[in-house]
Amino acid sequence: MKNIFLLICSVCCFAATAQSNYSIDTIPSISITGTSTLHDWTVQAGAVADYPTSLSLELVDGAAIDSFSFSVPVANLDGGRGPSMNAKIQKAFVMEANPTINYQQFGAASIQEATTGMTITSAGTLTMAGVSKDIEVVLAVSESEGALSLKGSKDLKMTDFEMTPPSAMFGQIQTADEITVHFEFVYRK
């Protein structure tokens, strides 16, 4: 009986120490890419808020991130082509009524091991331009030299969020409805 108790204590102590604590290393990177009748474009988020600044995680199959969320102020989206372009972006996101883009994970997201590496599937609610949709995002999870990276992308359509794709020059330049949101969160031990 004493040996069983010691074995259970040893297993519990090992499991408790197997998790690593990570703190945010760099400002998260979030961007949106798309196309238009003129050229491809990228919009960079100049600020990201309300994200977890620390994670406690064991990098094994079945481990989970219980909660994850973030928000992006629409005013900090930069299309790299000056104030006129940024005003079109802000108009598309209906910034006056909806100043942030928000993501809130519901439930735990578990790590899965695959032949291509570790992934984590996060299901949550994305709100853009005041419209909320449930989405699922697959992130690549990697650790190198103490840095934990959660990186992924998600294809979306602006019209699914009741957004009007921006246009310019009296409609001569049209933005395609399809966009891709790219993101990376880097944490360090």
C-alpha atoms as a PDB file:
ATOM      1  CA  MET A   1       0.000   0.000   0.000  1.00  0.00           C
ATOM      2  CA  LYS A   2       2.830   2.380   0.881  1.00  0.00           C
ATOM      3  CA  ASN A   3       4.524   1.647  -2.482  1.00  0.00           C
ATOM      4  CA  ILE A   4       1.313   2.418  -4.383  1.00  0.00           C
ATOM      5  CA  PHE A   5       0.983   5.724  -2.512  1.00  0.00           C
ATOM      6  CA  LEU A   6       4.600   6.645  -3.393  1.00  0.00           C
ATOM      7  CA  LEU A   7       4.036   5.690  -7.035  1.00  0.00           C
ATOM      8  CA  ILE A   8       0.906   7.875  -7.227  1.00  0.00           C
ATOM      9  CA  CYS A   9       2.762  10.799  -5.598  1.00  0.00           C
ATOM     10  CA  SER A  10       5.664  10.396  -8.023  1.00  0.00           C
ATOM     11  CA  VAL A  11       3.357  10.348 -11.049  1.00  0.00           C
ATOM     12  CA  CYS A  12       1.455  13.412  -9.775  1.00  0.00           C
ATOM     13  CA  CYS A  13       4.671  15.319  -9.115  1.00  0.00           C
ATOM     14  CA  PHE A  14       6.010  14.453 -12.581  1.00  0.00           C
ATOM     15  CA  ALA A  15       2.736  15.506 -14.251  1.00  0.00           C
ATOM     16  CA  ALA A  16       2.707  18.766 -12.320  1.00  0.00           C
ATOM     17  CA  THR A  17       6.234  19.619 -13.366  1.00  0.00           C
ATOM     18  CA  ALA A  18       5.760  18.591 -17.023  1.00  0.00           C
ATOM     19  CA  GLN A  19       3.852  21.783 -17.810  1.00  0.00           C
ATOM     20  CA  SER A  20       5.895  24.756 -18.862  1.00  0.00           C
ATOM     21  CA  ASN A  21       5.057  28.352 -18.130  1.00  0.00           C
ATOM     22  CA  TYR A  22       5.381  30.763 -21.049  1.00  0.00           C
ATOM     23  CA  SER A  23       5.162  34.558 -21.148  1.00  0.00           C
ATOM     24  CA  ILE A  24       4.481  36.639 -24.229  1.00  0.00           C
ATOM     25  CA  ASP A  25       7.768  37.335 -26.031  1.00  0.00           C
ATOM     26  CA  THR A  26       6.818  39.757 -28.798  1.00  0.00           C
ATOM     27  CA  ILE A  27       3.763  41.751 -29.770  1.00  0.00           C
ATOM     28  CA  PRO A  28       1.397  39.354 -31.579  1.00  0.00           C
ATOM     29  CA  SER A  29       1.400  39.649 -35.355  1.00  0.00           C
ATOM     30  CA  ILE A  30      -1.991  39.851 -37.066  1.00  0.00           C
ATOM     31  CA  SER A  31      -2.516  40.759 -40.703  1.00  0.00           C
ATOM     32  CA  ILE A  32      -5.184  40.452 -43.369  1.00  0.00           C
ATOM     33  CA  THR A  33      -4.385  39.727 -47.014  1.00  0.00           C
ATOM     34  CA  GLY A  34      -6.552  39.857 -50.096  1.00  0.00           C
ATOM     35  CA  THR A  35      -6.676  40.806 -53.740  1.00  0.00           C
ATOM     36  CA  SER A  36      -8.223  43.502 -55.875  1.00  0.00           C
ATOM     37  CA  THR A  37      -8.618  44.195 -59.563  1.00  0.00           C
ATOM     38  CA  LEU A  38      -5.346  46.164 -59.335  1.00  0.00           C
ATOM     39  CA  HIS A  39      -3.031  44.209 -56.989  1.00  0.00           C
ATOM     40  CA  ASP A  40      -2.712  42.008 -53.930  1.00  0.00           C
ATOM     41  CA  TRP A  41      -2.801  43.862 -50.616  1.00  0.00           C
ATOM     42  CA  THR A  42      -1.929  43.417 -46.933  1.00  0.00           C
ATOM     43  CA  VAL A  43      -3.378  45.170 -43.907  1.00  0.00           C
ATOM     44  CA  GLN A  44      -1.265  44.999 -40.736  1.00  0.00           C
ATOM     45  CA  ALA A  45      -2.685  45.305 -37.216  1.00  0.00           C
ATOM     46  CA  GLY A  46      -0.637  47.967 -35.464  1.00  0.00           C
ATOM     47  CA  ALA A  47      -1.946  46.873 -32.067  1.00  0.00           C
ATOM     48  CA  VAL A  48      -3.417  43.733 -30.500  1.00  0.00           C
ATOM     49  CA  ALA A  49      -5.108  43.758 -27.104  1.00  0.00           C
ATOM     50  CA  ASP A  50      -6.773  41.469 -24.574  1.00  0.00           C
ATOM     51  CA  TYR A  51      -4.637  38.420 -25.410  1.00  0.00           C
ATOM     52  CA  PRO A  52      -3.198  36.017 -22.821  1.00  0.00           C
ATOM     53  CA  THR A  53       0.190  37.293 -21.714  1.00  0.00           C
ATOM     54  CA  SER A  54       1.095  33.910 -20.243  1.00  0.00           C
ATOM     55  CA  LEU A  55       0.304  30.253 -20.891  1.00  0.00           C
ATOM     56  CA  SER A  56       0.890  27.126 -18.863  1.00  0.00           C
ATOM     57  CA  LEU A  57       1.096  24.229 -21.271  1.00  0.00           C
ATOM     58  CA  GLU A  58       2.530  20.764 -21.733  1.00  0.00           C
ATOM     59  CA  LEU A  59       3.460  20.104 -25.366  1.00  0.00           C
ATOM     60  CA  VAL A  60       1.968  16.620 -25.642  1.00  0.00           C
ATOM     61  CA  ASP A  61      -0.967  15.138 -27.519  1.00  0.00           C
ATOM     62  CA  GLY A  62      -4.194  15.985 -25.677  1.00  0.00           C
ATOM     63  CA  ALA A  63      -2.856  18.936 -23.666  1.00  0.00           C
ATOM     64  CA  ALA A  64      -5.146  21.965 -23.854  1.00  0.00           C
ATOM     65  CA  ILE A  65      -5.307  25.726 -23.831  1.00  0.00           C
ATOM     66  CA  ASP A  66      -8.431  26.386 -21.795  1.00  0.00           C
ATOM     67  CA  SER A  67      -9.046  29.973 -22.846  1.00  0.00           C
ATOM     68  CA  PHE A  68      -7.783  32.260 -25.590  1.00  0.00           C
ATOM     69  CA  SER A  69      -9.026  35.596 -26.871  1.00  0.00           C
ATOM     70  CA  PHE A  70      -7.781  38.802 -28.454  1.00  0.00           C
ATOM     71  CA  SER A  71      -9.024  42.055 -29.926  1.00  0.00           C
ATOM     72  CA  VAL A  72      -7.700  44.348 -32.632  1.00  0.00           C
ATOM     73  CA  PRO A  73      -8.569  48.062 -32.681  1.00  0.00           C
ATOM     74  CA  VAL A  74      -9.812  48.864 -36.199  1.00  0.00           C
ATOM     75  CA  ALA A  75      -8.221  52.330 -35.943  1.00  0.00           C
ATOM     76  CA  ASN A  76      -4.811  50.606 -35.826  1.00  0.00           C
ATOM     77  CA  LEU A  77      -5.245  48.688 -39.097  1.00  0.00           C
ATOM     78  CA  ASP A  78      -2.776  49.969 -41.675  1.00  0.00           C
ATOM     79  CA  GLY A  79      -2.995  49.179 -45.379  1.00  0.00           C
ATOM     80  CA  GLY A  80       0.397  50.744 -46.052  1.00  0.00           C
ATOM     81  CA  ARG A  81      -0.937  53.149 -48.673  1.00  0.00           C
ATOM     82  CA  GLY A  82      -1.728  56.193 -46.578  1.00  0.00           C
ATOM     83  CA  PRO A  83      -4.688  57.756 -44.776  1.00  0.00           C
ATOM     84  CA  SER A  84      -7.084  57.445 -47.739  1.00  0.00           C
ATOM     85  CA  MET A  85      -6.656  53.654 -47.853  1.00  0.00           C
ATOM     86  CA  ASN A  86      -6.929  53.373 -44.061  1.00  0.00           C
ATOM     87  CA  ALA A  87     -10.182  55.375 -44.148  1.00  0.00           C
ATOM     88  CA  LYS A  88     -11.610  52.835 -46.626  1.00  0.00           C
ATOM     89  CA  ILE A  89     -10.573  49.996 -44.314  1.00  0.00           C
ATOM     90  CA  GLN A  90     -12.192  51.714 -41.329  1.00  0.00           C
ATOM     91  CA  LYS A  91     -15.374  52.294 -43.334  1.00  0.00           C
ATOM     92  CA  ALA A  92     -15.519  48.611 -44.372  1.00  0.00           C
ATOM     93  CA  PHE A  93     -15.261  47.570 -40.712  1.00  0.00           C
ATOM     94  CA  VAL A  94     -17.919  50.159 -39.720  1.00  0.00           C
ATOM     95  CA  MET A  95     -15.407  51.457 -37.179  1.00  0.00           C
ATOM     96  CA  GLU A  96     -17.588  54.178 -35.632  1.00  0.00           C
ATOM     97  CA  ALA A  97     -20.114  51.597 -34.383  1.00  0.00           C
ATOM     98  CA  ASN A  98     -17.684  48.662 -34.061  1.00  0.00           C
ATOM     99  CA  PRO A  99     -14.219  49.870 -33.022  1.00  0.00           C
ATOM    100  CA  THR A 100     -12.670  46.404 -32.498  1.00  0.00           C
ATOM    101  CA  ILE A 101     -12.331  43.012 -34.118  1.00  0.00           C
ATOM    102  CA  ASN A 102     -12.725  40.357 -31.400  1.00  0.00           C
ATOM    103  CA  TYR A 103     -12.036  36.639 -31.072  1.00  0.00           C
ATOM    104  CA  GLN A 104     -13.186  34.595 -28.059  1.00  0.00           C
ATOM    105  CA  GLN A 105     -12.421  30.876 -27.873  1.00  0.00           C
ATOM    106  CA  PHE A 106     -15.174  28.755 -26.370  1.00  0.00           C
ATOM    107  CA  GLY A 107     -14.143  25.596 -24.574  1.00  0.00           C
ATOM    108  CA  ALA A 108     -10.681  24.083 -24.396  1.00  0.00           C
ATOM    109  CA  ALA A 109      -8.499  23.697 -27.490  1.00  0.00           C
ATOM    110  CA  SER A 110      -6.482  20.466 -27.480  1.00  0.00           C
ATOM    111  CA  ILE A 111      -3.104  19.789 -29.029  1.00  0.00           C
ATOM    112  CA  GLN A 112      -2.993  17.037 -31.638  1.00  0.00           C
ATOM    113  CA  GLU A 113       0.193  15.379 -32.816  1.00  0.00           C
ATOM    114  CA  ALA A 114       0.384  14.728 -36.546  1.00  0.00           C
ATOM    115  CA  THR A 115       3.089  13.672 -38.968  1.00  0.00           C
ATOM    116  CA  THR A 116       3.523  17.336 -39.937  1.00  0.00           C
ATOM    117  CA  GLY A 117       3.953  18.453 -36.317  1.00  0.00           C
ATOM    118  CA  MET A 118       1.743  19.607 -33.481  1.00  0.00           C
ATOM    119  CA  THR A 119      -1.461  21.504 -34.135  1.00  0.00           C
ATOM    120  CA  ILE A 120      -4.170  22.959 -31.985  1.00  0.00           C
ATOM    121  CA  THR A 121      -7.739  23.590 -33.136  1.00  0.00           C
ATOM    122  CA  SER A 122      -9.383  26.615 -31.566  1.00  0.00           C
ATOM    123  CA  ALA A 123     -13.140  27.035 -31.965  1.00  0.00           C
ATOM    124  CA  GLY A 124     -14.559  30.404 -31.067  1.00  0.00           C
ATOM    125  CA  THR A 125     -16.555  33.454 -32.020  1.00  0.00           C
ATOM    126  CA  LEU A 126     -15.066  36.059 -34.349  1.00  0.00           C
ATOM    127  CA  THR A 127     -16.757  39.469 -34.418  1.00  0.00           C
ATOM    128  CA  MET A 128     -16.005  41.880 -37.258  1.00  0.00           C
ATOM    129  CA  ALA A 129     -18.052  44.954 -38.226  1.00  0.00           C
ATOM    130  CA  GLY A 130     -20.522  44.069 -35.489  1.00  0.00           C
ATOM    131  CA  VAL A 131     -21.334  40.604 -36.888  1.00  0.00           C
ATOM    132  CA  SER A 132     -20.353  37.479 -34.930  1.00  0.00           C
ATOM    133  CA  LYS A 133     -19.634  34.106 -36.519  1.00  0.00           C
ATOM    134  CA  ASP A 134     -18.441  30.856 -34.998  1.00  0.00           C
ATOM    135  CA  ILE A 135     -15.229  29.713 -36.662  1.00  0.00           C
ATOM    136  CA  GLU A 136     -12.597  27.031 -36.245  1.00  0.00           C
ATOM    137  CA  VAL A 137      -8.913  27.834 -36.625  1.00  0.00           C
ATOM    138  CA  VAL A 138      -6.051  25.327 -36.870  1.00  0.00           C
ATOM    139  CA  LEU A 139      -2.748  26.610 -35.485  1.00  0.00           C
ATOM    140  CA  ALA A 140       0.709  25.141 -35.902  1.00  0.00           C
ATOM    141  CA  VAL A 141       2.353  24.756 -32.493  1.00  0.00           C
ATOM    142  CA  SER A 142       6.127  24.699 -32.311  1.00  0.00           C
ATOM    143  CA  GLU A 143       8.813  25.219 -29.713  1.00  0.00           C
ATOM    144  CA  SER A 144      12.392  26.172 -30.475  1.00  0.00           C
ATOM    145  CA  GLU A 145      15.021  27.334 -28.009  1.00  0.00           C
ATOM    146  CA  GLY A 146      12.381  28.074 -25.361  1.00  0.00           C
ATOM    147  CA  ALA A 147      10.109  30.041 -27.718  1.00  0.00           C
ATOM    148  CA  LEU A 148       6.575  28.710 -28.202  1.00  0.00           C
ATOM    149  CA  SER A 149       4.902  29.776 -31.447  1.00  0.00           C
ATOM    150  CA  LEU A 150       1.166  29.539 -32.181  1.00  0.00           C
ATOM    151  CA  LYS A 151       0.771  30.368 -35.866  1.00  0.00           C
ATOM    152  CA  GLY A 152      -2.063  30.030 -38.343  1.00  0.00           C
ATOM    153  CA  SER A 153      -4.385  31.589 -40.863  1.00  0.00           C
ATOM    154  CA  LYS A 154      -8.075  31.536 -41.673  1.00  0.00           C
ATOM    155  CA  ASP A 155      -9.821  32.155 -44.994  1.00  0.00           C
ATOM    156  CA  LEU A 156     -12.960  34.287 -44.657  1.00  0.00           C
ATOM    157  CA  LYS A 157     -15.366  36.301 -46.792  1.00  0.00           C
ATOM    158  CA  MET A 158     -16.114  39.914 -45.926  1.00  0.00           C
ATOM    159  CA  THR A 159     -19.752  39.507 -46.980  1.00  0.00           C
ATOM    160  CA  ASP A 160     -20.202  36.724 -44.388  1.00  0.00           C
ATOM    161  CA  PHE A 161     -19.740  39.523 -41.844  1.00  0.00           C
ATOM    162  CA  GLU A 162     -22.065  41.852 -43.785  1.00  0.00           C
ATOM    163  CA  MET A 163     -19.076  43.960 -44.850  1.00  0.00           C
ATOM    164  CA  THR A 164     -18.942  45.716 -48.202  1.00  0.00           C
ATOM    165  CA  PRO A 165     -15.594  45.019 -49.890  1.00  0.00           C
ATOM    166  CA  PRO A 166     -13.841  48.387 -50.388  1.00  0.00           C
ATOM    167  CA  SER A 167     -13.541  49.981 -53.810  1.00  0.00           C
ATOM    168  CA  ALA A 168     -11.668  53.000 -55.189  1.00  0.00           C
ATOM    169  CA  MET A 169     -11.692  55.327 -58.173  1.00  0.00           C
ATOM    170  CA  PHE A 170     -15.493  55.318 -58.463  1.00  0.00           C
ATOM    171  CA  GLY A 171     -15.635  51.529 -58.509  1.00  0.00           C
ATOM    172  CA  GLN A 172     -12.851  51.026 -61.065  1.00  0.00           C
ATOM    173  CA  ILE A 173     -10.770  49.195 -58.437  1.00  0.00           C
ATOM    174  CA  GLN A 174     -12.693  46.462 -56.606  1.00  0.00           C
ATOM    175  CA  THR A 175     -11.495  44.472 -53.613  1.00  0.00           C
ATOM    176  CA  ALA A 176     -12.258  40.745 -53.761  1.00  0.00           C
ATOM    177  CA  ASP A 177     -14.628  39.370 -51.113  1.00  0.00           C
ATOM    178  CA  GLU A 178     -12.175  36.652 -50.022  1.00  0.00           C
ATOM    179  CA  ILE A 179      -9.605  37.542 -47.367  1.00  0.00           C
ATOM    180  CA  THR A 180      -7.141  35.585 -45.249  1.00  0.00           C
ATOM    181  CA  VAL A 181      -6.370  36.483 -41.643  1.00  0.00           C
ATOM    182  CA  HIS A 182      -2.813  35.549 -40.578  1.00  0.00           C
ATOM    183  CA  PHE A 183      -1.664  35.502 -36.969  1.00  0.00           C
ATOM    184  CA  GLU A 184       1.246  34.493 -34.780  1.00  0.00           C
ATOM    185  CA  PHE A 185       1.603  34.606 -31.004  1.00  0.00           C
ATOM    186  CA  VAL A 186       5.101  33.919 -29.623  1.00  0.00           C
ATOM    187  CA  TYR A 187       5.692  33.041 -25.982  1.00  0.00           C
ATOM    188  CA  ARG A 188       8.951  32.271 -24.163  1.00  0.00           C
ATOM    189  CA  LYS A 189       9.789  30.082 -21.126  1.00  0.00           C
END
